[in-house]
Protein backbone atom coordinates (compact mmCIF):
# COMPACT_ATOMS: atom_id res chain seq x y z
CA UNK A 1 -7.63 8.12 -5.91
CA UNK A 2 -10.41 5.54 -5.63
CA UNK A 3 -13.75 5.96 -7.57
CA UNK A 4 -12.27 9.75 -9.17
CA UNK A 5 -11.99 11.58 -5.86
CA UNK A 6 -8.48 13.45 -6.81
CA UNK A 7 -5.98 13.67 -4.46
CA UNK A 8 -6.64 17.64 -4.20
CA UNK A 9 -10.15 16.98 -3.16
CA UNK A 10 -8.83 14.47 0.52
CA UNK A 11 -6.03 17.39 0.43
CA UNK A 12 -9.12 20.18 0.81
CA UNK A 13 -11.00 17.85 3.13
CA UNK A 14 -7.62 16.29 5.28
CA UNK A 15 -9.79 13.28 7.94
CA UNK A 16 -12.67 14.32 8.40
CA UNK A 17 -13.78 14.67 5.06
CA UNK A 18 -11.14 11.62 4.59
CA UNK A 19 -13.29 9.65 6.74
CA UNK A 20 -16.09 10.07 5.59
CA UNK A 21 -14.99 9.41 1.73
CA UNK A 22 -13.19 6.30 2.77
CA UNK A 23 -16.65 5.57 5.10
CA UNK A 24 -19.03 5.64 1.85
CA UNK A 25 -15.60 3.57 -0.60
CA UNK A 26 -16.37 0.72 2.52
CA UNK A 27 -20.08 1.21 2.14
CA UNK A 28 -19.95 0.83 -1.61
CA UNK A 29 -18.13 -2.60 -0.67
CA UNK A 30 -14.99 -1.07 -2.92
CA UNK A 31 -12.03 -2.64 -1.51
CA UNK A 32 -9.96 -0.16 0.84
CA UNK A 33 -7.51 -2.16 3.23
CA UNK A 34 -7.19 -4.35 5.88
CA UNK A 35 -7.00 -4.09 9.18
CA UNK A 36 -4.61 -4.98 11.78
CA UNK A 37 -6.70 -5.63 15.36
CA UNK A 38 -4.51 -6.78 18.38
CA UNK A 39 -7.99 -7.61 21.09
CA UNK A 40 -10.48 -5.62 19.30
CA UNK A 41 -8.29 -2.11 18.44
CA UNK A 42 -6.67 -1.35 15.80
CA UNK A 43 -3.14 -1.88 15.41
CA UNK A 44 -2.58 -0.87 12.03
CA UNK A 45 -4.29 -0.63 8.54
CA UNK A 46 -2.65 -1.15 5.11
CA UNK A 47 -3.81 0.04 1.91
CA UNK A 48 -4.78 -2.16 -1.30
CA UNK A 49 -7.13 -2.55 -4.09
CA UNK A 50 -7.55 -3.20 -7.49
CA UNK A 51 -3.77 -0.82 -9.69
CA UNK A 52 -7.28 0.36 -11.40
CA UNK A 53 -8.36 2.45 -8.29
CA UNK A 54 -5.26 4.23 -8.64
CA UNK A 55 -5.08 5.91 -12.50
CA UNK A 56 -2.32 7.67 -11.35
CA UNK A 57 -0.39 4.54 -10.77
CA UNK A 58 -0.69 3.91 -14.68
CA UNK A 59 0.19 7.81 -14.94
CA UNK A 60 3.67 7.73 -13.25
CA UNK A 61 6.82 7.24 -15.08
CA UNK A 62 8.13 6.35 -12.58
CA UNK A 63 5.38 4.12 -11.06
CA UNK A 64 4.39 2.46 -14.26
CA UNK A 65 4.49 -1.44 -13.57
CA UNK A 66 4.53 -2.70 -17.31
CA UNK A 67 2.88 -5.89 -15.63
CA UNK A 68 -0.73 -6.92 -17.20
CA UNK A 69 -2.92 -8.99 -16.04
CA UNK A 70 -5.15 -8.75 -12.52
CA UNK A 71 -3.11 -6.57 -10.34
CA UNK A 72 -3.36 -5.00 -7.01
CA UNK A 73 -1.71 -1.91 -5.79
CA UNK A 74 -0.16 -1.34 -2.12
CA UNK A 75 -0.27 2.18 -1.14
CA UNK A 76 0.62 2.89 2.15
CA UNK A 77 0.68 0.85 5.44
CA UNK A 78 0.28 2.36 9.24
CA UNK A 79 1.80 0.37 12.64
CA UNK A 80 0.17 2.81 16.06
CA UNK A 81 3.16 3.87 17.16
CA UNK A 82 3.19 1.46 20.49
CA UNK A 83 3.63 -1.67 18.47
CA UNK A 84 6.39 0.27 15.90
CA UNK A 85 9.23 -2.27 15.51
CA UNK A 86 7.04 -6.03 15.69
CA UNK A 87 7.67 -6.56 12.00
CA UNK A 88 3.63 -5.75 12.05
CA UNK A 89 4.54 -4.00 8.20
CA UNK A 90 5.79 -7.76 6.65
CA UNK A 91 2.81 -9.39 8.73
CA UNK A 92 0.60 -5.63 7.09
CA UNK A 93 1.88 -6.42 3.26
CA UNK A 94 1.86 -10.90 4.26
CA UNK A 95 -1.98 -10.23 5.00
CA UNK A 96 -2.80 -7.86 2.34
CA UNK A 97 -1.04 -9.71 -0.50
CA UNK A 98 -3.58 -12.76 1.27
CA UNK A 99 -6.33 -10.59 0.69
CA UNK A 100 -5.74 -9.30 -3.20
CA UNK A 101 -5.00 -12.77 -4.11
CA UNK A 102 -8.49 -14.11 -2.51
CA UNK A 103 -9.62 -11.53 -4.39
CA UNK A 104 -8.76 -12.26 -7.76
CA UNK A 105 -5.76 -10.15 -7.61
CA UNK A 106 -1.89 -12.25 -9.88
CA UNK A 107 0.09 -9.86 -9.00
CA UNK A 108 1.09 -7.72 -6.24
CA UNK A 109 3.05 -4.32 -6.11
CA UNK A 110 4.58 -1.69 -3.26
CA UNK A 111 6.72 1.49 -3.43
CA UNK A 112 8.32 1.20 -0.32
CA UNK A 113 10.47 4.54 0.42
CA UNK A 114 14.05 3.28 0.36
CA UNK A 115 16.09 5.52 2.83
CA UNK A 116 19.19 5.17 1.77
CA UNK A 117 20.77 4.01 4.53
CA UNK A 118 19.87 7.09 6.98
CA UNK A 119 17.21 6.60 9.71
CA UNK A 120 14.10 7.77 8.50
CA UNK A 121 11.63 9.29 10.71
CA UNK A 122 8.01 7.52 11.35
CA UNK A 123 6.14 9.85 9.34
CA UNK A 124 8.33 9.71 5.75
CA UNK A 125 7.39 5.06 5.82
CA UNK A 126 4.00 5.39 5.41
CA UNK A 127 4.97 3.45 1.96
CA UNK A 128 7.01 1.14 3.74
CA UNK A 129 10.18 -0.63 3.90
CA UNK A 130 12.05 -2.35 0.73
CA UNK A 131 12.16 -5.21 3.52
CA UNK A 132 8.45 -6.05 4.46
CA UNK A 133 7.96 -6.76 0.75
CA UNK A 134 10.52 -8.83 0.14
CA UNK A 135 10.56 -10.65 3.19
CA UNK A 136 7.25 -11.40 1.81
CA UNK A 137 8.68 -13.21 -1.80
CA UNK A 138 8.56 -9.99 -3.57
CA UNK A 139 10.55 -8.94 -5.93
CA UNK A 140 12.48 -6.06 -7.46
CA UNK A 141 11.14 -4.48 -10.87
CA UNK A 142 13.38 -1.06 -10.80
CA UNK A 143 17.72 -0.56 -9.46
CA UNK A 144 17.59 0.70 -5.52
CA UNK A 145 19.89 3.48 -7.18
CA UNK A 146 16.81 4.82 -10.16
CA UNK A 147 14.51 6.31 -7.73
CA UNK A 148 13.11 7.20 -3.99
CA UNK A 149 10.91 4.61 -4.90
CA UNK A 150 11.24 0.89 -5.68
CA UNK A 151 8.44 -1.06 -7.16
CA UNK A 152 7.92 -4.52 -6.58
CA UNK A 153 5.46 -7.20 -7.45
CA UNK A 154 4.20 -10.47 -6.26
CA UNK A 155 3.63 -12.39 -9.18
CA UNK A 156 0.20 -15.54 -7.94
CA UNK A 157 1.95 -18.94 -6.76
């Protein structure tokens, strides 16, 4: 997690403590993500920050990208239930990339869930779907059949 905050700390704190920690990161000026607003109400959110903000990514054999340079990672996204099915995940990925590139990213990666031909309930899709990334000109870096997660990236053009 960001700034040395461990996953177990997040799990221990759950909603209230997590909200407080997230607010602290924002107050410190650290990038944490992008909100999608409709009529001044948040309908979606995507986590995007420099890859270095997620030290666990570098320790994972599955999620190591092998890319060099200034990379940013998309680690999760959420669209409110009433707004699902409107391709807003694709919009969130697009805007996360725009934000990352405006802040110096050379590439962006994501780790969408590969449903494997099954229909998964929304709670299992918090990392997005491959189509949300591929429709935004990402490319596959791992074979689709290799892992549950498909690693993708987008090079700065």
